[in-house]
Amino acid sequence: MFVEKVEQQSGAYKRHTETPQRTVFLVDDNSDDLDLAMRTLRKTSEFCNIIPLKSGDALFDALTSQGVFREGIGQEDDHEAEFMIILDVHMPGDDGIKILQELRDNPLTADIPVLMLTEDTGTAAIEQTYTMRANGYFTKPLQETHINTILNIFEKGYGPDITRP
């Protein structure tokens, strides 16, 4: 989605578009999976900032440094998300399910789009993530075919209405 701006210059109007600033927090404890997902996401210029992280603690530190925990930050307008989290389900320590629950329990992060990424294809795991309001679920490895779904979720923006891709 592009934002169109109209500026007045010397009595005439000039139109131009700009791509919204999009930050993806990519959380996976496996370095190989993290690198592969990074390479996949970099195949499009739609993501301005991809932040690779190896744990839930690192995610919450990064969210804090990006200002997400200040009221009013993280939503450019009513329609489009500024931040998104792609989160591995199975990690040592706090797994992706626990991290998703923490994100949804905090009013400042509850509406950030979260996509779950895992090797688990069992329906119980998938249902659990959707019950907890995940915006999507991908099996590893992250592929180019997933990019359109990711962009669609960015364009839908925040909100309580979660639909399966």
Protein backbone atom coordinates (compact mmCIF):
# COMPACT_ATOMS: atom_id res chain seq x y z
CA MET A 1 0.00 0.00 0.00
CA PHE A 2 1.30 3.43 -0.85
CA VAL A 3 0.48 6.67 0.87
CA GLU A 4 -0.25 9.48 -1.52
CA LYS A 5 0.75 12.98 -0.48
CA VAL A 6 -0.16 16.18 -2.23
CA GLU A 7 2.10 19.18 -1.74
CA GLN A 8 1.59 22.67 -3.03
CA GLN A 9 4.62 24.09 -4.83
CA SER A 10 4.49 27.50 -6.54
CA GLY A 11 0.72 27.42 -6.94
CA ALA A 12 0.72 23.91 -8.43
CA TYR A 13 0.12 20.63 -6.65
CA LYS A 14 2.68 17.88 -6.80
CA ARG A 15 1.66 14.29 -6.10
CA HIS A 16 4.02 11.64 -4.88
CA THR A 17 3.77 8.35 -3.06
CA GLU A 18 5.84 6.88 -0.33
CA THR A 19 6.09 3.37 1.06
CA PRO A 20 5.07 3.18 4.72
CA GLN A 21 7.89 2.43 7.15
CA ARG A 22 7.54 -1.25 8.02
CA THR A 23 9.54 -3.02 10.70
CA VAL A 24 9.53 -6.80 11.01
CA PHE A 25 10.79 -8.35 14.24
CA LEU A 26 11.92 -11.84 13.20
CA VAL A 27 12.30 -14.14 16.22
CA ASP A 28 13.85 -17.61 15.88
CA ASP A 29 16.43 -19.37 18.05
CA ASN A 30 17.80 -21.36 15.09
CA SER A 31 20.45 -19.33 13.25
CA ASP A 32 19.98 -21.19 9.96
CA ASP A 33 16.20 -20.66 9.98
CA LEU A 34 16.70 -17.02 10.97
CA ASP A 35 19.15 -16.43 8.10
CA LEU A 36 16.88 -18.13 5.57
CA ALA A 37 13.86 -16.09 6.70
CA MET A 38 15.92 -12.89 6.51
CA ARG A 39 17.00 -13.68 2.93
CA THR A 40 13.39 -14.41 1.97
CA LEU A 41 12.07 -11.14 3.44
CA ARG A 42 14.85 -9.14 1.77
CA LYS A 43 13.63 -10.27 -1.66
CA THR A 44 11.11 -7.45 -1.51
CA SER A 45 11.72 -3.79 -0.80
CA GLU A 46 8.45 -3.55 1.15
CA PHE A 47 10.15 -4.13 4.50
CA CYS A 48 12.23 -1.15 5.57
CA ASN A 49 13.69 -2.68 8.68
CA ILE A 50 14.10 -6.38 9.51
CA ILE A 51 15.31 -7.01 13.05
CA PRO A 52 16.56 -10.58 13.66
CA LEU A 53 16.23 -11.78 17.26
CA LYS A 54 16.95 -15.09 18.98
CA SER A 55 14.59 -15.03 21.99
CA GLY A 56 11.47 -13.56 23.53
CA ASP A 57 13.60 -11.46 25.90
CA ALA A 58 15.44 -9.98 22.93
CA LEU A 59 12.07 -9.24 21.29
CA PHE A 60 10.76 -7.33 24.30
CA ASP A 61 14.05 -5.38 24.53
CA ALA A 62 13.77 -4.49 20.82
CA LEU A 63 10.12 -3.46 21.18
CA THR A 64 11.11 -1.21 24.06
CA SER A 65 13.95 0.38 22.09
CA GLN A 66 11.57 1.02 19.13
CA GLY A 67 9.18 2.86 21.47
CA VAL A 68 6.35 0.35 21.22
CA PHE A 69 5.63 0.55 24.94
CA ARG A 70 4.84 4.26 24.75
CA GLU A 71 1.16 4.99 24.16
CA GLY A 72 0.34 6.03 20.60
CA ILE A 73 3.47 4.51 19.06
CA GLY A 74 3.30 1.68 16.56
CA GLN A 75 0.33 2.76 14.50
CA GLU A 76 0.89 5.21 11.66
CA ASP A 77 -2.79 5.56 10.87
CA ASP A 78 -6.00 3.64 11.33
CA HIS A 79 -5.34 1.26 8.47
CA GLU A 80 -1.76 0.14 8.29
CA ALA A 81 0.61 -1.50 10.75
CA GLU A 82 4.05 -0.11 11.35
CA PHE A 83 5.35 -3.18 13.17
CA MET A 84 4.92 -6.92 12.69
CA ILE A 85 6.36 -9.89 14.55
CA ILE A 86 7.23 -13.21 12.92
CA LEU A 87 7.67 -15.60 15.81
CA ASP A 88 9.00 -19.16 15.98
CA VAL A 89 6.70 -21.40 18.00
CA HIS A 90 9.31 -23.79 19.45
CA MET A 91 12.17 -22.05 21.25
CA PRO A 92 14.03 -22.87 24.47
CA GLY A 93 12.92 -20.92 27.52
CA ASP A 94 9.81 -18.94 26.69
CA ASP A 95 8.35 -20.52 23.58
CA GLY A 96 6.46 -18.62 20.91
CA ILE A 97 3.07 -19.51 22.42
CA LYS A 98 4.01 -17.94 25.78
CA ILE A 99 5.46 -14.86 24.05
CA LEU A 100 2.29 -14.49 21.94
CA GLN A 101 0.20 -14.63 25.12
CA GLU A 102 2.36 -11.91 26.73
CA LEU A 103 1.99 -9.73 23.63
CA ARG A 104 -1.80 -10.17 23.57
CA ASP A 105 -2.14 -9.51 27.32
CA ASN A 106 -0.42 -6.11 27.08
CA PRO A 107 -2.71 -3.37 25.68
CA LEU A 108 0.29 -1.67 24.03
CA THR A 109 1.23 -4.78 22.03
CA ALA A 110 -2.11 -6.59 21.81
CA ASP A 111 -2.85 -5.42 18.27
CA ILE A 112 0.59 -5.81 16.70
CA PRO A 113 0.25 -8.40 13.93
CA VAL A 114 1.99 -11.66 14.88
CA LEU A 115 2.71 -14.45 12.43
CA MET A 116 3.75 -17.80 13.86
CA LEU A 117 6.51 -19.78 12.15
CA THR A 118 7.24 -23.43 12.92
CA GLU A 119 7.98 -26.90 11.59
CA ASP A 120 4.92 -28.23 13.46
CA THR A 121 2.05 -28.96 11.08
CA GLY A 122 -0.27 -30.46 13.69
CA THR A 123 -3.76 -28.99 13.74
CA ALA A 124 -3.76 -28.63 17.55
CA ALA A 125 -0.77 -26.25 17.44
CA ILE A 126 -2.30 -24.27 14.60
CA GLU A 127 -5.66 -23.97 16.38
CA GLN A 128 -3.94 -22.88 19.60
CA THR A 129 -2.12 -20.01 17.87
CA TYR A 130 -5.32 -18.79 16.18
CA THR A 131 -7.24 -19.05 19.45
CA MET A 132 -4.60 -16.75 20.93
CA ARG A 133 -5.16 -14.27 18.08
CA ALA A 134 -2.15 -14.99 15.88
CA ASN A 135 -2.62 -13.29 12.51
CA GLY A 136 -1.12 -16.15 10.55
CA TYR A 137 0.74 -19.44 10.74
CA PHE A 138 3.49 -20.56 8.37
CA THR A 139 5.44 -23.78 8.28
CA LYS A 140 9.20 -23.49 7.94
CA PRO A 141 11.00 -22.51 5.93
CA LEU A 142 9.58 -19.04 5.27
CA GLN A 143 9.12 -18.86 1.51
CA GLU A 144 8.59 -16.20 -1.13
CA THR A 145 5.00 -17.42 -1.49
CA HIS A 146 4.40 -16.20 2.09
CA ILE A 147 5.37 -12.60 1.29
CA ASN A 148 1.98 -11.64 -0.20
CA THR A 149 0.20 -12.87 2.92
CA ILE A 150 2.62 -10.91 5.10
CA LEU A 151 2.03 -7.76 3.04
CA ASN A 152 -1.74 -8.26 3.20
CA ILE A 153 -1.60 -8.44 6.99
CA PHE A 154 0.53 -5.28 7.09
CA GLU A 155 -2.06 -3.50 4.93
CA LYS A 156 -5.01 -4.65 7.06
CA GLY A 157 -3.27 -3.11 10.03
CA TYR A 158 -4.20 -3.47 13.63
CA GLY A 159 -7.46 -4.62 15.03
CA PRO A 160 -9.22 -7.39 16.81
CA ASP A 161 -10.53 -9.09 13.67
CA ILE A 162 -8.24 -12.01 12.95
CA THR A 163 -8.93 -14.00 9.82
CA ARG A 164 -6.98 -16.96 8.59
CA PRO A 165 -4.85 -16.33 5.51
